[in-house]
PDB file of N, CA and C in Angstrom:
ATOM      1  N   MET A   1    -217.974  71.208 -59.103  1.00  0.00           N
ATOM      2  CA  MET A   1    -217.426  70.038 -58.445  1.00  0.00           C
ATOM      3  C   MET A   1    -217.864  70.012 -56.979  1.00  0.00           C
ATOM      4  N   CYS A   2    -216.984  69.684 -56.085  1.00  0.00           N
ATOM      5  CA  CYS A   2    -217.311  69.587 -54.659  1.00  0.00           C
ATOM      6  C   CYS A   2    -217.778  70.921 -54.089  1.00  0.00           C
ATOM      7  N   ALA A   3    -217.175  72.023 -54.524  1.00  0.00           N
ATOM      8  CA  ALA A   3    -217.543  73.337 -53.998  1.00  0.00           C
ATOM      9  C   ALA A   3    -219.014  73.628 -54.275  1.00  0.00           C
ATOM     10  N   GLY A   4    -219.546  73.097 -55.353  1.00  0.00           N
ATOM     11  CA  GLY A   4    -220.951  73.275 -55.679  1.00  0.00           C
ATOM     12  C   GLY A   4    -221.880  72.612 -54.680  1.00  0.00           C
ATOM     13  N   TYR A   5    -221.356  71.709 -53.894  1.00  0.00           N
ATOM     14  CA  TYR A   5    -222.130  71.018 -52.861  1.00  0.00           C
ATOM     15  C   TYR A   5    -221.874  71.599 -51.471  1.00  0.00           C
ATOM     16  N   GLY A   6    -221.181  72.696 -51.395  1.00  0.00           N
ATOM     17  CA  GLY A   6    -220.915  73.343 -50.121  1.00  0.00           C
ATOM     18  C   GLY A   6    -219.693  72.817 -49.387  1.00  0.00           C
ATOM     19  N   VAL A   7    -218.892  71.999 -50.045  1.00  0.00           N
ATOM     20  CA  VAL A   7    -217.669  71.495 -49.418  1.00  0.00           C
ATOM     21  C   VAL A   7    -216.688  72.661 -49.304  1.00  0.00           C
ATOM     22  N   GLU A   8    -216.160  72.874 -48.108  1.00  0.00           N
ATOM     23  CA  GLU A   8    -215.271  74.012 -47.883  1.00  0.00           C
ATOM     24  C   GLU A   8    -213.792  73.663 -47.985  1.00  0.00           C
ATOM     25  N   TYR A   9    -213.425  72.437 -47.639  1.00  0.00           N
ATOM     26  CA  TYR A   9    -212.034  72.010 -47.732  1.00  0.00           C
ATOM     27  C   TYR A   9    -211.974  70.483 -47.748  1.00  0.00           C
ATOM     28  N   VAL A  10    -210.799  69.956 -48.082  1.00  0.00           N
ATOM     29  CA  VAL A  10    -210.575  68.515 -48.083  1.00  0.00           C
ATOM     30  C   VAL A  10    -209.509  68.219 -47.038  1.00  0.00           C
ATOM     31  N   GLU A  11    -209.815  67.277 -46.152  1.00  0.00           N
ATOM     32  CA  GLU A  11    -208.888  66.928 -45.082  1.00  0.00           C
ATOM     33  C   GLU A  11    -208.091  65.683 -45.439  1.00  0.00           C
ATOM     34  N   GLN A  12    -206.773  65.839 -45.512  1.00  0.00           N
ATOM     35  CA  GLN A  12    -205.803  64.747 -45.694  1.00  0.00           C
ATOM     36  C   GLN A  12    -206.281  63.693 -46.696  1.00  0.00           C
ATOM     37  N   PRO A  13    -206.329  64.028 -47.991  1.00  0.00           N
ATOM     38  CA  PRO A  13    -206.836  63.082 -48.980  1.00  0.00           C
ATOM     39  C   PRO A  13    -205.845  61.996 -49.395  1.00  0.00           C
ATOM     40  N   VAL A  14    -204.636  62.031 -48.855  1.00  0.00           N
ATOM     41  CA  VAL A  14    -203.613  61.034 -49.211  1.00  0.00           C
ATOM     42  C   VAL A  14    -202.939  60.518 -47.944  1.00  0.00           C
ATOM     43  N   VAL A  15    -202.118  59.496 -48.093  1.00  0.00           N
ATOM     44  CA  VAL A  15    -201.400  58.939 -46.945  1.00  0.00           C
ATOM     45  C   VAL A  15    -200.453  59.991 -46.362  1.00  0.00           C
ATOM     46  N   PRO A  16    -200.169  59.934 -45.065  1.00  0.00           N
ATOM     47  CA  PRO A  16    -199.389  60.978 -44.400  1.00  0.00           C
ATOM     48  C   PRO A  16    -198.035  61.310 -45.034  1.00  0.00           C
ATOM     49  N   ALA A  17    -197.329  60.339 -45.548  1.00  0.00           N
ATOM     50  CA  ALA A  17    -195.991  60.588 -46.084  1.00  0.00           C
ATOM     51  C   ALA A  17    -195.992  61.172 -47.498  1.00  0.00           C
ATOM     52  N   ASP A  18    -197.140  61.271 -48.135  1.00  0.00           N
ATOM     53  CA  ASP A  18    -197.204  61.711 -49.535  1.00  0.00           C
ATOM     54  C   ASP A  18    -197.363  63.229 -49.640  1.00  0.00           C
ATOM     55  N   ARG A  19    -196.337  63.943 -49.223  1.00  0.00           N
ATOM     56  CA  ARG A  19    -196.389  65.410 -49.264  1.00  0.00           C
ATOM     57  C   ARG A  19    -196.379  65.941 -50.693  1.00  0.00           C
ATOM     58  N   GLU A  20    -195.778  65.223 -51.607  1.00  0.00           N
ATOM     59  CA  GLU A  20    -195.734  65.671 -53.004  1.00  0.00           C
ATOM     60  C   GLU A  20    -197.141  65.778 -53.592  1.00  0.00           C
ATOM     61  N   THR A  21    -197.977  64.781 -53.321  1.00  0.00           N
ATOM     62  CA  THR A  21    -199.358  64.838 -53.824  1.00  0.00           C
ATOM     63  C   THR A  21    -200.145  65.925 -53.098  1.00  0.00           C
ATOM     64  N   LEU A  22    -199.918  66.089 -51.792  1.00  0.00           N
ATOM     65  CA  LEU A  22    -200.560  67.177 -51.065  1.00  0.00           C
ATOM     66  C   LEU A  22    -200.225  68.513 -51.720  1.00  0.00           C
ATOM     67  N   LYS A  23    -198.959  68.697 -52.063  1.00  0.00           N
ATOM     68  CA  LYS A  23    -198.518  69.943 -52.689  1.00  0.00           C
ATOM     69  C   LYS A  23    -199.193  70.154 -54.043  1.00  0.00           C
ATOM     70  N   ARG A  24    -199.251  69.113 -54.859  1.00  0.00           N
ATOM     71  CA  ARG A  24    -199.899  69.231 -56.180  1.00  0.00           C
ATOM     72  C   ARG A  24    -201.371  69.580 -56.035  1.00  0.00           C
ATOM     73  N   LEU A  25    -202.047  68.946 -55.096  1.00  0.00           N
ATOM     74  CA  LEU A  25    -203.467  69.246 -54.876  1.00  0.00           C
ATOM     75  C   LEU A  25    -203.661  70.674 -54.376  1.00  0.00           C
ATOM     76  N   CYS A  26    -202.795  71.104 -53.490  1.00  0.00           N
ATOM     77  CA  CYS A  26    -202.873  72.462 -52.957  1.00  0.00           C
ATOM     78  C   CYS A  26    -202.652  73.487 -54.069  1.00  0.00           C
ATOM     79  N   GLU A  27    -201.674  73.236 -54.914  1.00  0.00           N
ATOM     80  CA  GLU A  27    -201.373  74.143 -56.021  1.00  0.00           C
ATOM     81  C   GLU A  27    -202.491  74.183 -57.054  1.00  0.00           C
ATOM     82  N   ALA A  28    -203.257  73.104 -57.175  1.00  0.00           N
ATOM     83  CA  ALA A  28    -204.361  73.057 -58.139  1.00  0.00           C
ATOM     84  C   ALA A  28    -205.500  73.992 -57.745  1.00  0.00           C
ATOM     85  N   LYS A  29    -205.569  74.357 -56.474  1.00  0.00           N
ATOM     86  CA  LYS A  29    -206.575  75.313 -55.966  1.00  0.00           C
ATOM     87  C   LYS A  29    -208.017  74.908 -56.270  1.00  0.00           C
ATOM     88  N   ILE A  30    -208.292  73.605 -56.268  1.00  0.00           N
ATOM     89  CA  ILE A  30    -209.668  73.139 -56.461  1.00  0.00           C
ATOM     90  C   ILE A  30    -210.468  73.421 -55.192  1.00  0.00           C
ATOM     91  N   LEU A  31    -209.924  73.006 -54.078  1.00  0.00           N
ATOM     92  CA  LEU A  31    -210.458  73.274 -52.739  1.00  0.00           C
ATOM     93  C   LEU A  31    -209.263  73.369 -51.799  1.00  0.00           C
ATOM     94  N   PRO A  32    -209.374  74.074 -50.692  1.00  0.00           N
ATOM     95  CA  PRO A  32    -208.280  74.080 -49.727  1.00  0.00           C
ATOM     96  C   PRO A  32    -207.985  72.664 -49.217  1.00  0.00           C
ATOM     97  N   ILE A  33    -206.717  72.370 -49.057  1.00  0.00           N
ATOM     98  CA  ILE A  33    -206.258  71.072 -48.557  1.00  0.00           C
ATOM     99  C   ILE A  33    -205.765  71.279 -47.123  1.00  0.00           C
ATOM    100  N   VAL A  34    -206.292  70.472 -46.201  1.00  0.00           N
ATOM    101  CA  VAL A  34    -205.940  70.597 -44.787  1.00  0.00           C
ATOM    102  C   VAL A  34    -205.283  69.300 -44.320  1.00  0.00           C
ATOM    103  N   ALA A  35    -204.087  69.418 -43.764  1.00  0.00           N
ATOM    104  CA  ALA A  35    -203.371  68.250 -43.242  1.00  0.00           C
ATOM    105  C   ALA A  35    -204.002  67.785 -41.942  1.00  0.00           C
ATOM    106  N   ASP A  36    -203.939  66.503 -41.716  1.00  0.00           N
ATOM    107  CA  ASP A  36    -204.429  65.911 -40.478  1.00  0.00           C
ATOM    108  C   ASP A  36    -203.387  64.908 -40.007  1.00  0.00           C
ATOM    109  N   GLU A  37    -203.370  63.736 -40.599  1.00  0.00           N
ATOM    110  CA  GLU A  37    -202.438  62.682 -40.186  1.00  0.00           C
ATOM    111  C   GLU A  37    -200.977  63.059 -40.405  1.00  0.00           C
ATOM    112  N   SER A  38    -200.702  64.011 -41.283  1.00  0.00           N
ATOM    113  CA  SER A  38    -199.326  64.431 -41.548  1.00  0.00           C
ATOM    114  C   SER A  38    -198.776  65.339 -40.451  1.00  0.00           C
ATOM    115  N   ALA A  39    -199.640  65.833 -39.572  1.00  0.00           N
ATOM    116  CA  ALA A  39    -199.205  66.750 -38.514  1.00  0.00           C
ATOM    117  C   ALA A  39    -199.623  66.218 -37.152  1.00  0.00           C
ATOM    118  N   VAL A  40    -198.788  65.376 -36.583  1.00  0.00           N
ATOM    119  CA  VAL A  40    -199.067  64.804 -35.266  1.00  0.00           C
ATOM    120  C   VAL A  40    -198.270  65.541 -34.196  1.00  0.00           C
ATOM    121  N   ARG A  41    -197.085  66.019 -34.546  1.00  0.00           N
ATOM    122  CA  ARG A  41    -196.229  66.768 -33.621  1.00  0.00           C
ATOM    123  C   ARG A  41    -195.922  68.131 -34.230  1.00  0.00           C
ATOM    124  N   HIS A  42    -195.563  69.076 -33.381  1.00  0.00           N
ATOM    125  CA  HIS A  42    -195.242  70.409 -33.906  1.00  0.00           C
ATOM    126  C   HIS A  42    -194.052  70.359 -34.855  1.00  0.00           C
ATOM    127  N   THR A  43    -193.199  69.375 -34.698  1.00  0.00           N
ATOM    128  CA  THR A  43    -192.041  69.249 -35.588  1.00  0.00           C
ATOM    129  C   THR A  43    -192.425  68.784 -36.992  1.00  0.00           C
ATOM    130  N   ASP A  44    -193.655  68.296 -37.178  1.00  0.00           N
ATOM    131  CA  ASP A  44    -194.122  67.873 -38.503  1.00  0.00           C
ATOM    132  C   ASP A  44    -194.522  69.068 -39.374  1.00  0.00           C
ATOM    133  N   ILE A  45    -194.812  70.184 -38.749  1.00  0.00           N
ATOM    134  CA  ILE A  45    -195.393  71.316 -39.469  1.00  0.00           C
ATOM    135  C   ILE A  45    -194.460  71.958 -40.502  1.00  0.00           C
ATOM    136  N   PRO A  46    -193.188  72.194 -40.209  1.00  0.00           N
ATOM    137  CA  PRO A  46    -192.342  72.849 -41.221  1.00  0.00           C
ATOM    138  C   PRO A  46    -192.308  72.129 -42.575  1.00  0.00           C
ATOM    139  N   ALA A  47    -192.349  70.814 -42.571  1.00  0.00           N
ATOM    140  CA  ALA A  47    -192.317  70.059 -43.834  1.00  0.00           C
ATOM    141  C   ALA A  47    -193.603  70.230 -44.636  1.00  0.00           C
ATOM    142  N   LEU A  48    -194.650  70.726 -44.005  1.00  0.00           N
ATOM    143  CA  LEU A  48    -195.938  70.896 -44.693  1.00  0.00           C
ATOM    144  C   LEU A  48    -196.122  72.286 -45.287  1.00  0.00           C
ATOM    145  N   ILE A  49    -195.211  73.204 -44.983  1.00  0.00           N
ATOM    146  CA  ILE A  49    -195.315  74.553 -45.538  1.00  0.00           C
ATOM    147  C   ILE A  49    -195.246  74.473 -47.058  1.00  0.00           C
ATOM    148  N   GLY A  50    -196.233  75.056 -47.703  1.00  0.00           N
ATOM    149  CA  GLY A  50    -196.310  75.026 -49.160  1.00  0.00           C
ATOM    150  C   GLY A  50    -196.998  73.787 -49.710  1.00  0.00           C
ATOM    151  N   CYS A  51    -197.331  72.839 -48.834  1.00  0.00           N
ATOM    152  CA  CYS A  51    -197.988  71.600 -49.259  1.00  0.00           C
ATOM    153  C   CYS A  51    -199.474  71.579 -48.929  1.00  0.00           C
ATOM    154  N   VAL A  52    -199.893  72.408 -47.980  1.00  0.00           N
ATOM    155  CA  VAL A  52    -201.293  72.423 -47.545  1.00  0.00           C
ATOM    156  C   VAL A  52    -201.731  73.863 -47.267  1.00  0.00           C
ATOM    157  N   ASP A  53    -203.041  74.044 -47.214  1.00  0.00           N
ATOM    158  CA  ASP A  53    -203.592  75.357 -46.900  1.00  0.00           C
ATOM    159  C   ASP A  53    -203.820  75.537 -45.407  1.00  0.00           C
ATOM    160  N   GLY A  54    -203.855  74.447 -44.667  1.00  0.00           N
ATOM    161  CA  GLY A  54    -204.098  74.522 -43.239  1.00  0.00           C
ATOM    162  C   GLY A  54    -203.804  73.195 -42.569  1.00  0.00           C
ATOM    163  N   ILE A  55    -203.903  73.203 -41.248  1.00  0.00           N
ATOM    164  CA  ILE A  55    -203.647  71.996 -40.467  1.00  0.00           C
ATOM    165  C   ILE A  55    -204.775  71.815 -39.468  1.00  0.00           C
ATOM    166  N   ASN A  56    -205.328  70.619 -39.427  1.00  0.00           N
ATOM    167  CA  ASN A  56    -206.362  70.267 -38.461  1.00  0.00           C
ATOM    168  C   ASN A  56    -205.666  69.589 -37.286  1.00  0.00           C
ATOM    169  N   ILE A  57    -205.659  70.259 -36.149  1.00  0.00           N
ATOM    170  CA  ILE A  57    -204.989  69.710 -34.970  1.00  0.00           C
ATOM    171  C   ILE A  57    -206.024  69.020 -34.092  1.00  0.00           C
ATOM    172  N   LYS A  58    -205.873  67.724 -33.912  1.00  0.00           N
ATOM    173  CA  LYS A  58    -206.738  66.952 -33.028  1.00  0.00           C
ATOM    174  C   LYS A  58    -205.948  66.684 -31.757  1.00  0.00           C
ATOM    175  N   LEU A  59    -206.255  67.439 -30.727  1.00  0.00           N
ATOM    176  CA  LEU A  59    -205.470  67.387 -29.501  1.00  0.00           C
ATOM    177  C   LEU A  59    -205.387  65.994 -28.903  1.00  0.00           C
ATOM    178  N   ASP A  60    -206.452  65.243 -28.980  1.00  0.00           N
ATOM    179  CA  ASP A  60    -206.452  63.896 -28.409  1.00  0.00           C
ATOM    180  C   ASP A  60    -205.403  63.026 -29.104  1.00  0.00           C
ATOM    181  N   LYS A  61    -205.329  63.129 -30.416  1.00  0.00           N
ATOM    182  CA  LYS A  61    -204.367  62.325 -31.182  1.00  0.00           C
ATOM    183  C   LYS A  61    -202.935  62.807 -30.962  1.00  0.00           C
ATOM    184  N   CYS A  62    -202.764  64.096 -30.671  1.00  0.00           N
ATOM    185  CA  CYS A  62    -201.440  64.677 -30.504  1.00  0.00           C
ATOM    186  C   CYS A  62    -200.918  64.596 -29.076  1.00  0.00           C
ATOM    187  N   GLY A  63    -201.691  64.052 -28.171  1.00  0.00           N
ATOM    188  CA  GLY A  63    -201.230  63.881 -26.800  1.00  0.00           C
ATOM    189  C   GLY A  63    -201.701  64.952 -25.833  1.00  0.00           C
ATOM    190  N   GLY A  64    -202.621  65.802 -26.262  1.00  0.00           N
ATOM    191  CA  GLY A  64    -203.161  66.826 -25.367  1.00  0.00           C
ATOM    192  C   GLY A  64    -202.638  68.208 -25.667  1.00  0.00           C
ATOM    193  N   ILE A  65    -203.198  69.183 -25.003  1.00  0.00           N
ATOM    194  CA  ILE A  65    -202.886  70.579 -25.287  1.00  0.00           C
ATOM    195  C   ILE A  65    -201.449  70.967 -24.934  1.00  0.00           C
ATOM    196  N   ARG A  66    -200.838  70.326 -23.961  1.00  0.00           N
ATOM    197  CA  ARG A  66    -199.491  70.698 -23.543  1.00  0.00           C
ATOM    198  C   ARG A  66    -198.429  69.749 -24.080  1.00  0.00           C
ATOM    199  N   SER A  67    -198.799  68.720 -24.764  1.00  0.00           N
ATOM    200  CA  SER A  67    -197.831  67.747 -25.274  1.00  0.00           C
ATOM    201  C   SER A  67    -196.929  68.357 -26.331  1.00  0.00           C
ATOM    202  N   ASP A  68    -195.651  68.108 -26.223  1.00  0.00           N
ATOM    203  CA  ASP A  68    -194.682  68.485 -27.245  1.00  0.00           C
ATOM    204  C   ASP A  68    -194.566  69.987 -27.459  1.00  0.00           C
ATOM    205  N   CYS A  69    -194.935  70.801 -26.498  1.00  0.00           N
ATOM    206  CA  CYS A  69    -194.919  72.256 -26.669  1.00  0.00           C
ATOM    207  C   CYS A  69    -193.603  72.895 -26.202  1.00  0.00           C
ATOM    208  N   ARG A  70    -192.741  72.159 -25.627  1.00  0.00           N
ATOM    209  CA  ARG A  70    -191.505  72.736 -25.085  1.00  0.00           C
ATOM    210  C   ARG A  70    -190.508  73.048 -26.146  1.00  0.00           C
TER     211      ARG A  70
END
């Protein structure tokens, strides 16, 4: 499948609120699933535990390196 083409992971293949599908895809272990749009603030991360293999943090979209860190 995709791994045969050198694909290493899939980034946010569903809409941000669809954590159930993220979890099913992650459990299928076809390729690692990495959240993007689902993790805009640090407070979004706990809900993603067990739903994804990783998180892609785009600092510009999240408000910068020091935003929301308190």
